[in-house]
Amino acid sequence: MKCPFCGTLDSQVIDSRATEAGDSIRRRRRCAACNKRFTTYETADIRLPQVIKQNGQREDYSSEKVRVGFLRALHKRPVSMELVDAAIDRIKQHLLARGEREIPSLRVGEMVMEELRRLDKVAYVRFASVYRSFQDVDDFRDVIRDL
């Protein structure tokens, strides 16, 4: 590990321990050249799958895009941001657990709909109406009947 003070590549690990969250390791190091101490963190480098859009384009999964979809559907609805964040985390964990390199955008949209269905029925219908391109009142009736 390169010393941030003198640039030497030789350092010694003095202490290692897991962070409170348990998702990374904190290491205290000492530079062999200048003897100064510094801290590094080691985390797993896990890649989320690429999303295959309906037009065939591929793009990296974006939690921010998913968040925007949730917030639009939940506009003026009594759902806390903590619940929204937990739902987004569940989607992300599900994607990681699948271990796939690519996933169709339709599947991501279905996951969002499943989470919205649990959080708020009105938001679920809002999202479904846009996501499934409802054409008339009968489409709304069908979704509401399924609830």
C-alpha atoms as a PDB file:
ATOM      1  CA  MET A   1       0.000   0.000   0.000  1.00  0.00           C
ATOM      2  CA  LYS A   2       1.402   3.385  -1.016  1.00  0.00           C
ATOM      3  CA  CYS A   3       2.056   5.782   1.868  1.00  0.00           C
ATOM      4  CA  PRO A   4      -0.079   8.946   1.480  1.00  0.00           C
ATOM      5  CA  PHE A   5       2.691  11.015   3.104  1.00  0.00           C
ATOM      6  CA  CYS A   6       5.911  10.006   1.347  1.00  0.00           C
ATOM      7  CA  GLY A   7       4.737   7.759  -1.489  1.00  0.00           C
ATOM      8  CA  THR A   8       6.745   4.708  -0.478  1.00  0.00           C
ATOM      9  CA  LEU A   9       5.141   1.399  -1.406  1.00  0.00           C
ATOM     10  CA  ASP A  10       6.330  -0.392   1.726  1.00  0.00           C
ATOM     11  CA  SER A  11       3.981  -0.314   4.729  1.00  0.00           C
ATOM     12  CA  GLN A  12       3.219  -2.650   7.578  1.00  0.00           C
ATOM     13  CA  VAL A  13      -0.227  -3.558   8.940  1.00  0.00           C
ATOM     14  CA  ILE A  14      -0.332  -2.767  12.660  1.00  0.00           C
ATOM     15  CA  ASP A  15      -3.970  -3.606  13.410  1.00  0.00           C
ATOM     16  CA  SER A  16      -6.943  -5.050  11.488  1.00  0.00           C
ATOM     17  CA  ARG A  17     -10.575  -5.192  12.509  1.00  0.00           C
ATOM     18  CA  ALA A  18     -14.013  -5.342  10.949  1.00  0.00           C
ATOM     19  CA  THR A  19     -16.058  -2.152  10.865  1.00  0.00           C
ATOM     20  CA  GLU A  20     -19.231  -1.933  12.958  1.00  0.00           C
ATOM     21  CA  ALA A  21     -21.394  -2.719   9.936  1.00  0.00           C
ATOM     22  CA  GLY A  22     -19.191  -5.721   9.184  1.00  0.00           C
ATOM     23  CA  ASP A  23     -19.001  -4.925   5.469  1.00  0.00           C
ATOM     24  CA  SER A  24     -15.384  -3.790   5.402  1.00  0.00           C
ATOM     25  CA  ILE A  25     -12.080  -4.200   7.223  1.00  0.00           C
ATOM     26  CA  ARG A  26     -10.240  -1.272   8.779  1.00  0.00           C
ATOM     27  CA  ARG A  27      -6.453  -1.572   8.728  1.00  0.00           C
ATOM     28  CA  ARG A  28      -4.011   0.651  10.613  1.00  0.00           C
ATOM     29  CA  ARG A  29      -0.685   0.815   8.767  1.00  0.00           C
ATOM     30  CA  ARG A  30       2.780   2.228   9.407  1.00  0.00           C
ATOM     31  CA  CYS A  31       5.043   3.399   6.610  1.00  0.00           C
ATOM     32  CA  ALA A  32       8.421   1.663   6.623  1.00  0.00           C
ATOM     33  CA  ALA A  33      10.186   4.801   5.303  1.00  0.00           C
ATOM     34  CA  CYS A  34       8.689   7.798   7.171  1.00  0.00           C
ATOM     35  CA  ASN A  35       7.169   5.843  10.096  1.00  0.00           C
ATOM     36  CA  LYS A  36       3.847   7.740   9.854  1.00  0.00           C
ATOM     37  CA  ARG A  37       0.578   5.903  10.440  1.00  0.00           C
ATOM     38  CA  PHE A  38      -2.492   5.846   8.239  1.00  0.00           C
ATOM     39  CA  THR A  39      -5.760   3.929   7.934  1.00  0.00           C
ATOM     40  CA  THR A  40      -7.073   1.971   4.947  1.00  0.00           C
ATOM     41  CA  TYR A  41     -10.390   0.212   4.398  1.00  0.00           C
ATOM     42  CA  GLU A  42     -10.872  -3.003   2.469  1.00  0.00           C
ATOM     43  CA  THR A  43     -14.280  -3.784   0.948  1.00  0.00           C
ATOM     44  CA  ALA A  44     -15.577  -6.363  -1.476  1.00  0.00           C
ATOM     45  CA  ASP A  45     -15.837  -5.117  -5.048  1.00  0.00           C
ATOM     46  CA  ILE A  46     -19.183  -6.495  -6.168  1.00  0.00           C
ATOM     47  CA  ARG A  47     -20.650  -5.473  -9.499  1.00  0.00           C
ATOM     48  CA  LEU A  48     -24.338  -5.148 -10.013  1.00  0.00           C
ATOM     49  CA  PRO A  49     -25.669  -6.511 -13.307  1.00  0.00           C
ATOM     50  CA  GLN A  50     -26.076  -4.442 -16.423  1.00  0.00           C
ATOM     51  CA  VAL A  51     -29.654  -3.614 -17.314  1.00  0.00           C
ATOM     52  CA  ILE A  52     -30.812  -4.505 -20.822  1.00  0.00           C
ATOM     53  CA  LYS A  53     -33.271  -1.842 -21.942  1.00  0.00           C
ATOM     54  CA  GLN A  54     -36.194  -2.669 -24.233  1.00  0.00           C
ATOM     55  CA  ASN A  55     -34.351  -1.138 -27.197  1.00  0.00           C
ATOM     56  CA  GLY A  56     -31.404  -3.494 -26.598  1.00  0.00           C
ATOM     57  CA  GLN A  57     -29.064  -0.927 -25.067  1.00  0.00           C
ATOM     58  CA  ARG A  58     -27.175  -1.884 -21.934  1.00  0.00           C
ATOM     59  CA  GLU A  59     -26.433   0.367 -18.996  1.00  0.00           C
ATOM     60  CA  ASP A  60     -25.207  -0.067 -15.441  1.00  0.00           C
ATOM     61  CA  TYR A  61     -27.853  -0.637 -12.791  1.00  0.00           C
ATOM     62  CA  SER A  62     -28.650   2.646 -11.080  1.00  0.00           C
ATOM     63  CA  SER A  63     -30.150   2.763  -7.593  1.00  0.00           C
ATOM     64  CA  GLU A  64     -30.799   6.439  -8.256  1.00  0.00           C
ATOM     65  CA  LYS A  65     -33.064   5.642 -11.227  1.00  0.00           C
ATOM     66  CA  VAL A  66     -34.959   3.148  -9.104  1.00  0.00           C
ATOM     67  CA  ARG A  67     -35.277   5.778  -6.341  1.00  0.00           C
ATOM     68  CA  VAL A  68     -36.718   8.301  -8.827  1.00  0.00           C
ATOM     69  CA  GLY A  69     -39.316   5.735  -9.896  1.00  0.00           C
ATOM     70  CA  PHE A  70     -40.284   5.100  -6.287  1.00  0.00           C
ATOM     71  CA  LEU A  71     -40.502   8.794  -5.469  1.00  0.00           C
ATOM     72  CA  ARG A  72     -42.669   9.569  -8.485  1.00  0.00           C
ATOM     73  CA  ALA A  73     -45.078   6.790  -7.620  1.00  0.00           C
ATOM     74  CA  LEU A  74     -45.093   7.743  -3.923  1.00  0.00           C
ATOM     75  CA  HIS A  75     -45.556  11.479  -4.489  1.00  0.00           C
ATOM     76  CA  LYS A  76     -47.695  12.848  -1.622  1.00  0.00           C
ATOM     77  CA  ARG A  77     -48.193   9.368  -0.163  1.00  0.00           C
ATOM     78  CA  PRO A  78     -47.600   8.606   3.551  1.00  0.00           C
ATOM     79  CA  VAL A  79     -44.520   6.390   3.135  1.00  0.00           C
ATOM     80  CA  SER A  80     -41.275   7.193   4.955  1.00  0.00           C
ATOM     81  CA  MET A  81     -37.931   7.456   3.195  1.00  0.00           C
ATOM     82  CA  GLU A  82     -36.618   4.699   5.475  1.00  0.00           C
ATOM     83  CA  LEU A  83     -39.149   2.285   3.971  1.00  0.00           C
ATOM     84  CA  VAL A  84     -38.242   3.425   0.449  1.00  0.00           C
ATOM     85  CA  ASP A  85     -34.524   2.961   1.154  1.00  0.00           C
ATOM     86  CA  ALA A  86     -35.185  -0.503   2.598  1.00  0.00           C
ATOM     87  CA  ALA A  87     -37.159  -1.476  -0.521  1.00  0.00           C
ATOM     88  CA  ILE A  88     -34.375  -0.238  -2.801  1.00  0.00           C
ATOM     89  CA  ASP A  89     -31.835  -2.195  -0.733  1.00  0.00           C
ATOM     90  CA  ARG A  90     -33.957  -5.354  -1.051  1.00  0.00           C
ATOM     91  CA  ILE A  91     -34.002  -4.955  -4.831  1.00  0.00           C
ATOM     92  CA  LYS A  92     -30.243  -4.433  -4.891  1.00  0.00           C
ATOM     93  CA  GLN A  93     -29.632  -7.462  -2.642  1.00  0.00           C
ATOM     94  CA  HIS A  94     -31.912  -9.581  -4.828  1.00  0.00           C
ATOM     95  CA  LEU A  95     -29.930  -8.558  -7.908  1.00  0.00           C
ATOM     96  CA  LEU A  96     -26.641  -9.378  -6.189  1.00  0.00           C
ATOM     97  CA  ALA A  97     -27.974 -12.739  -4.993  1.00  0.00           C
ATOM     98  CA  ARG A  98     -28.956 -13.695  -8.539  1.00  0.00           C
ATOM     99  CA  GLY A  99     -25.313 -13.335  -9.561  1.00  0.00           C
ATOM    100  CA  GLU A 100     -26.188 -12.549 -13.173  1.00  0.00           C
ATOM    101  CA  ARG A 101     -24.186 -10.173 -15.335  1.00  0.00           C
ATOM    102  CA  GLU A 102     -27.251  -8.844 -17.141  1.00  0.00           C
ATOM    103  CA  ILE A 103     -30.925  -8.426 -16.313  1.00  0.00           C
ATOM    104  CA  PRO A 104     -33.787  -7.158 -18.470  1.00  0.00           C
ATOM    105  CA  SER A 105     -35.191  -3.764 -17.449  1.00  0.00           C
ATOM    106  CA  LEU A 106     -38.619  -5.412 -17.377  1.00  0.00           C
ATOM    107  CA  ARG A 107     -37.486  -7.612 -14.479  1.00  0.00           C
ATOM    108  CA  VAL A 108     -36.208  -4.591 -12.539  1.00  0.00           C
ATOM    109  CA  GLY A 109     -39.565  -2.873 -13.127  1.00  0.00           C
ATOM    110  CA  GLU A 110     -41.394  -5.953 -11.843  1.00  0.00           C
ATOM    111  CA  MET A 111     -39.257  -5.906  -8.686  1.00  0.00           C
ATOM    112  CA  VAL A 112     -40.136  -2.239  -8.150  1.00  0.00           C
ATOM    113  CA  MET A 113     -43.818  -3.061  -8.602  1.00  0.00           C
ATOM    114  CA  GLU A 114     -43.586  -5.900  -6.050  1.00  0.00           C
ATOM    115  CA  GLU A 115     -42.033  -3.562  -3.490  1.00  0.00           C
ATOM    116  CA  LEU A 116     -44.568  -0.795  -4.190  1.00  0.00           C
ATOM    117  CA  ARG A 117     -47.391  -3.281  -3.801  1.00  0.00           C
ATOM    118  CA  ARG A 118     -46.163  -3.944  -0.240  1.00  0.00           C
ATOM    119  CA  LEU A 119     -45.585  -0.279   0.576  1.00  0.00           C
ATOM    120  CA  ASP A 120     -48.608   1.516  -0.838  1.00  0.00           C
ATOM    121  CA  LYS A 121     -51.408   0.309  -3.092  1.00  0.00           C
ATOM    122  CA  VAL A 122     -52.025   3.736  -4.666  1.00  0.00           C
ATOM    123  CA  ALA A 123     -48.356   4.105  -5.561  1.00  0.00           C
ATOM    124  CA  TYR A 124     -48.414   0.592  -6.985  1.00  0.00           C
ATOM    125  CA  VAL A 125     -51.330   1.474  -9.291  1.00  0.00           C
ATOM    126  CA  ARG A 126     -49.619   4.743 -10.312  1.00  0.00           C
ATOM    127  CA  PHE A 127     -46.405   2.957 -11.209  1.00  0.00           C
ATOM    128  CA  ALA A 128     -48.212   0.109 -12.965  1.00  0.00           C
ATOM    129  CA  SER A 129     -50.226   2.553 -15.083  1.00  0.00           C
ATOM    130  CA  VAL A 130     -47.078   4.120 -16.492  1.00  0.00           C
ATOM    131  CA  TYR A 131     -44.946   0.979 -16.524  1.00  0.00           C
ATOM    132  CA  ARG A 132     -47.546  -1.120 -18.304  1.00  0.00           C
ATOM    133  CA  SER A 133     -48.796   1.753 -20.493  1.00  0.00           C
ATOM    134  CA  PHE A 134     -52.449   1.613 -19.506  1.00  0.00           C
ATOM    135  CA  GLN A 135     -54.712   2.589 -22.399  1.00  0.00           C
ATOM    136  CA  ASP A 136     -58.100   2.894 -20.719  1.00  0.00           C
ATOM    137  CA  VAL A 137     -60.036   2.568 -17.478  1.00  0.00           C
ATOM    138  CA  ASP A 138     -60.365  -1.193 -17.907  1.00  0.00           C
ATOM    139  CA  ASP A 139     -56.612  -1.569 -17.393  1.00  0.00           C
ATOM    140  CA  PHE A 140     -56.913   0.252 -14.049  1.00  0.00           C
ATOM    141  CA  ARG A 141     -59.883  -1.911 -13.075  1.00  0.00           C
ATOM    142  CA  ASP A 142     -57.945  -5.089 -13.791  1.00  0.00           C
ATOM    143  CA  VAL A 143     -54.979  -4.052 -11.612  1.00  0.00           C
ATOM    144  CA  ILE A 144     -57.207  -2.883  -8.778  1.00  0.00           C
ATOM    145  CA  ARG A 145     -59.191  -6.116  -8.927  1.00  0.00           C
ATOM    146  CA  ASP A 146     -55.929  -8.071  -8.614  1.00  0.00           C
ATOM    147  CA  LEU A 147     -55.027  -6.176  -5.459  1.00  0.00           C
END
